[in-house]
N, C-alpha and C. Protein backbone atom coordinates (compact mmCIF):
# COMPACT_ATOMS: atom_id res chain seq x y z
N MET A 1 0.81 -1.55 0.32
CA MET A 1 0.01 -0.04 -0.08
C MET A 1 0.89 1.35 -0.01
N PHE A 2 0.44 2.37 -0.57
CA PHE A 2 1.01 3.59 -1.15
C PHE A 2 1.10 4.34 0.33
N ARG A 3 1.34 3.95 1.74
CA ARG A 3 0.90 5.12 2.29
C ARG A 3 2.07 5.08 3.53
N SER A 4 2.57 6.69 3.72
CA SER A 4 3.23 6.60 5.05
C SER A 4 2.95 5.88 6.36
N PRO A 5 3.79 5.28 6.97
CA PRO A 5 3.52 5.24 8.41
C PRO A 5 2.65 6.24 9.21
N THR A 6 2.79 7.42 9.17
CA THR A 6 2.31 8.53 9.39
C THR A 6 0.95 8.88 9.21
N SER A 7 0.58 8.30 8.15
CA SER A 7 -0.72 8.45 7.40
C SER A 7 -1.84 8.71 8.90
N THR A 8 -2.95 9.50 8.28
CA THR A 8 -3.60 9.00 8.81
C THR A 8 -5.13 8.55 8.24
N LYS A 9 -5.04 8.30 7.28
CA LYS A 9 -5.85 7.01 5.74
C LYS A 9 -5.55 5.93 6.45
N THR A 10 -7.24 5.25 6.23
CA THR A 10 -7.38 3.98 6.78
C THR A 10 -6.83 3.37 5.35
N ASP A 11 -6.80 1.37 5.64
CA ASP A 11 -6.23 1.31 4.06
C ASP A 11 -7.15 1.19 3.45
N GLU A 12 -8.28 1.22 3.60
CA GLU A 12 -9.28 1.49 2.61
C GLU A 12 -9.60 2.90 1.82
N GLU A 13 -9.17 4.03 2.07
CA GLU A 13 -9.06 4.96 2.33
C GLU A 13 -7.66 5.41 0.81
N ALA A 14 -6.57 4.71 1.72
CA ALA A 14 -5.45 4.73 0.79
C ALA A 14 -5.35 4.15 -0.37
N GLY A 15 -6.14 2.66 -1.12
CA GLY A 15 -6.40 2.18 -1.83
C GLY A 15 -7.20 3.04 -2.70
N LYS A 16 -8.27 3.50 -1.95
CA LYS A 16 -8.92 3.93 -3.01
C LYS A 16 -8.35 5.05 -3.80
N GLU A 17 -7.53 5.91 -2.89
CA GLU A 17 -6.66 6.82 -3.53
C GLU A 17 -5.64 6.50 -4.72
N LEU A 18 -5.02 5.12 -4.65
CA LEU A 18 -4.38 4.65 -5.16
C LEU A 18 -4.99 3.98 -6.48
N ALA A 19 -6.12 3.48 -6.64
CA ALA A 19 -7.17 2.99 -7.77
C ALA A 19 -7.31 3.90 -8.83
N LYS A 20 -7.41 5.23 -7.59
CA LYS A 20 -7.75 6.75 -8.81
C LYS A 20 -6.38 6.99 -9.70
N LYS A 21 -5.44 6.56 -9.22
CA LYS A 21 -4.27 7.29 -9.91
C LYS A 21 -3.25 6.60 -10.16
N THR A 22 -3.13 5.32 -10.40
CA THR A 22 -2.39 4.41 -10.86
C THR A 22 -2.11 4.48 -12.48
N ALA A 23 -2.51 5.12 -13.28
CA ALA A 23 -2.39 4.74 -14.58
C ALA A 23 -1.52 5.72 -15.66
N LYS A 24 -1.74 7.00 -14.73
CA LYS A 24 -1.01 8.36 -15.45
C LYS A 24 -0.31 8.92 -14.94
N GLU A 25 0.23 10.52 -14.96
CA GLU A 25 0.85 11.34 -14.47
C GLU A 25 0.95 11.08 -12.25
N SER A 26 -0.38 11.46 -12.48
CA SER A 26 -0.11 11.07 -10.61
C SER A 26 -0.02 9.58 -9.96
N GLY A 27 -0.25 9.10 -10.88
CA GLY A 27 0.27 7.77 -10.82
C GLY A 27 1.81 7.62 -9.99
N LYS A 28 2.59 8.38 -11.21
CA LYS A 28 4.33 8.08 -11.34
C LYS A 28 4.42 9.08 -10.06
N GLU A 29 3.64 10.03 -9.13
CA GLU A 29 4.45 10.98 -8.91
C GLU A 29 4.09 10.25 -6.93
N LEU A 30 2.87 9.49 -7.24
CA LEU A 30 2.59 8.91 -5.98
C LEU A 30 3.58 7.48 -5.86
N ALA A 31 3.89 7.21 -6.28
CA ALA A 31 5.10 5.61 -6.64
C ALA A 31 6.02 6.67 -6.25
N LYS A 32 6.88 7.93 -6.46
CA LYS A 32 7.97 8.16 -6.20
C LYS A 32 7.37 8.39 -4.79
N LYS A 33 6.62 9.96 -4.48
CA LYS A 33 6.83 10.09 -3.18
C LYS A 33 6.75 8.65 -2.08
N ALA A 34 5.88 7.37 -2.45
CA ALA A 34 5.67 6.40 -1.88
C ALA A 34 7.52 6.11 -1.38
N ALA A 35 8.40 6.14 -2.45
CA ALA A 35 9.44 5.27 -2.33
C ALA A 35 10.43 6.28 -1.64
N LYS A 36 10.10 7.59 -1.41
CA LYS A 36 11.21 8.64 -0.82
C LYS A 36 10.73 8.18 1.11
N GLU A 37 9.79 8.01 0.81
CA GLU A 37 8.83 8.13 2.00
C GLU A 37 8.77 6.32 3.35
N THR A 38 8.68 5.20 2.32
CA THR A 38 8.78 4.09 2.74
C THR A 38 10.16 3.11 2.50
N LYS A 39 10.49 2.13 3.25
CA LYS A 39 11.59 1.43 3.14
C LYS A 39 11.35 0.29 1.98
N MET A 40 10.16 -0.09 1.98
CA MET A 40 9.59 -0.95 0.93
C MET A 40 7.72 -0.44 0.37
N ILE A 41 7.89 -1.29 -0.69
CA ILE A 41 6.58 -0.93 -1.59
C ILE A 41 6.16 -2.24 -1.95
N LEU A 42 4.79 -3.06 -1.57
CA LEU A 42 3.73 -3.78 -1.81
C LEU A 42 3.06 -3.92 -2.72
N THR A 43 2.61 -4.49 -3.60
CA THR A 43 1.88 -4.53 -4.80
C THR A 43 0.66 -5.80 -4.84
N VAL A 44 -0.23 -5.99 -5.20
CA VAL A 44 -1.17 -6.94 -5.16
C VAL A 44 -2.14 -6.69 -6.39
N GLU A 45 -2.00 -7.34 -6.96
CA GLU A 45 -2.82 -7.93 -8.17
C GLU A 45 -3.39 -9.03 -8.21
N GLU A 46 -4.61 -8.75 -8.80
CA GLU A 46 -6.10 -9.91 -9.19
C GLU A 46 -5.54 -10.91 -10.30
N HIS A 47 -4.34 -10.60 -11.26
CA HIS A 47 -4.30 -11.13 -11.92
C HIS A 47 -2.88 -11.71 -12.11
N THR A 48 -2.07 -12.03 -13.39
CA THR A 48 -0.53 -12.33 -13.40
C THR A 48 0.52 -10.46 -12.74
N LYS A 49 1.22 -10.97 -12.15
CA LYS A 49 2.45 -9.65 -11.42
C LYS A 49 3.23 -9.43 -12.42
N PHE A 50 2.96 -9.67 -13.85
CA PHE A 50 4.09 -9.55 -14.90
C PHE A 50 3.34 -7.89 -15.77
N GLY A 51 3.98 -6.94 -16.06
CA GLY A 51 3.27 -6.17 -16.77
C GLY A 51 2.15 -5.56 -16.09
N GLY A 52 1.90 -4.97 -15.19
CA GLY A 52 0.98 -4.59 -14.34
C GLY A 52 1.01 -3.34 -13.35
N LEU A 53 0.22 -2.98 -12.26
CA LEU A 53 0.96 -2.31 -11.60
C LEU A 53 2.16 -2.64 -10.71
N GLY A 54 2.39 -3.45 -10.35
CA GLY A 54 3.55 -3.39 -9.88
C GLY A 54 5.08 -3.51 -10.18
N SER A 55 4.61 -3.69 -11.90
CA SER A 55 5.88 -3.88 -12.96
C SER A 55 6.33 -1.92 -12.80
N MET A 56 5.10 -1.50 -13.16
CA MET A 56 4.75 0.13 -13.29
C MET A 56 5.65 0.55 -12.12
N VAL A 57 5.65 0.64 -10.84
CA VAL A 57 5.88 0.95 -9.70
C VAL A 57 7.30 0.58 -9.67
N ALA A 58 8.07 -0.54 -9.72
CA ALA A 58 9.25 -1.12 -9.86
C ALA A 58 9.88 0.12 -10.74
N GLN A 59 9.45 -0.10 -11.71
CA GLN A 59 10.03 0.66 -13.14
C GLN A 59 10.24 2.39 -12.46
N ILE A 60 8.98 2.72 -12.16
CA ILE A 60 9.50 4.36 -11.74
C ILE A 60 10.24 4.28 -10.59
N THR A 61 10.27 3.35 -9.40
CA THR A 61 11.09 3.57 -8.35
C THR A 61 12.68 3.41 -8.76
N ALA A 62 12.68 2.05 -9.31
CA ALA A 62 14.36 2.17 -10.25
C ALA A 62 14.57 3.81 -10.97
N ALA A 63 13.76 4.02 -11.61
CA ALA A 63 14.36 5.29 -12.30
C ALA A 63 14.75 6.52 -11.27
N ASN A 64 13.94 6.57 -10.26
CA ASN A 64 13.58 7.94 -9.74
C ASN A 64 14.55 7.41 -7.75
N HIS A 65 14.10 6.88 -7.43
CA HIS A 65 14.52 6.35 -6.21
C HIS A 65 14.10 4.73 -5.70
N PRO A 66 15.29 4.13 -6.13
CA PRO A 66 15.52 2.69 -6.04
C PRO A 66 15.25 2.35 -4.61
N THR A 67 13.99 1.82 -4.48
CA THR A 67 13.26 1.11 -3.15
C THR A 67 12.94 -0.33 -3.11
N LYS A 68 12.32 -1.63 -2.13
CA LYS A 68 12.72 -2.46 -2.77
C LYS A 68 10.48 -2.58 -3.00
N VAL A 69 10.52 -3.55 -4.09
CA VAL A 69 9.47 -3.50 -4.42
C VAL A 69 8.44 -5.25 -4.51
N ILE A 70 8.01 -4.99 -3.59
CA ILE A 70 7.41 -6.94 -3.53
C ILE A 70 6.09 -7.14 -4.79
N ASN A 71 6.34 -7.52 -5.83
CA ASN A 71 4.57 -7.78 -6.42
C ASN A 71 4.26 -9.46 -6.30
N LEU A 72 2.72 -9.27 -5.75
CA LEU A 72 2.33 -10.37 -5.53
C LEU A 72 1.07 -10.88 -6.29
N GLY A 73 0.88 -11.59 -7.07
CA GLY A 73 -0.19 -11.70 -7.98
C GLY A 73 0.11 -13.32 -8.43
N LEU A 74 -0.73 -13.79 -9.59
CA LEU A 74 -0.98 -14.92 -9.91
C LEU A 74 0.32 -15.01 -10.80
N PRO A 75 0.87 -16.66 -10.81
CA PRO A 75 1.56 -17.30 -11.35
C PRO A 75 1.50 -16.96 -12.94
N ASP A 76 2.70 -16.89 -14.06
CA ASP A 76 2.37 -16.52 -15.22
C ASP A 76 1.95 -18.10 -15.91
N THR A 77 1.35 -18.68 -15.63
CA THR A 77 1.18 -20.15 -16.13
C THR A 77 -0.21 -20.22 -16.83
N PRO A 78 -0.31 -20.98 -18.24
CA PRO A 78 -1.75 -21.06 -18.61
C PRO A 78 -2.76 -21.29 -17.47
N ALA A 79 -4.45 -20.88 -17.41
CA ALA A 79 -4.89 -21.21 -16.63
C ALA A 79 -6.06 -22.25 -17.08
N ILE A 80 -6.31 -23.32 -16.64
CA ILE A 80 -6.94 -24.55 -16.73
C ILE A 80 -8.57 -24.24 -16.78
N SER A 81 -9.26 -24.52 -17.76
CA SER A 81 -10.78 -24.45 -16.24
C SER A 81 -11.55 -25.50 -17.45
N GLY A 82 -12.51 -25.68 -16.71
CA GLY A 82 -13.97 -26.60 -16.88
C GLY A 82 -13.05 -27.90 -16.55
N LYS A 83 -13.46 -29.01 -17.30
CA LYS A 83 -12.91 -30.18 -16.68
C LYS A 83 -12.04 -30.80 -16.86
């Protein structure tokens, strides 16, 4: 969660703020700010962890303020459905 330890926002409020800001310039600025204010960033994907929010955050932080980024998501393997 992009949240400072001193933040007064709840996890839900911080999550809603992040959801509104992830794809464009404001998301980039938020990622840079989080990298400067925290020791680690954790992203959680509801799909594979490659090419999503976690990848974007890792690229932004690596280029601007290197910070440990942990990406959680589904493995990048074929999904089997049906019988």
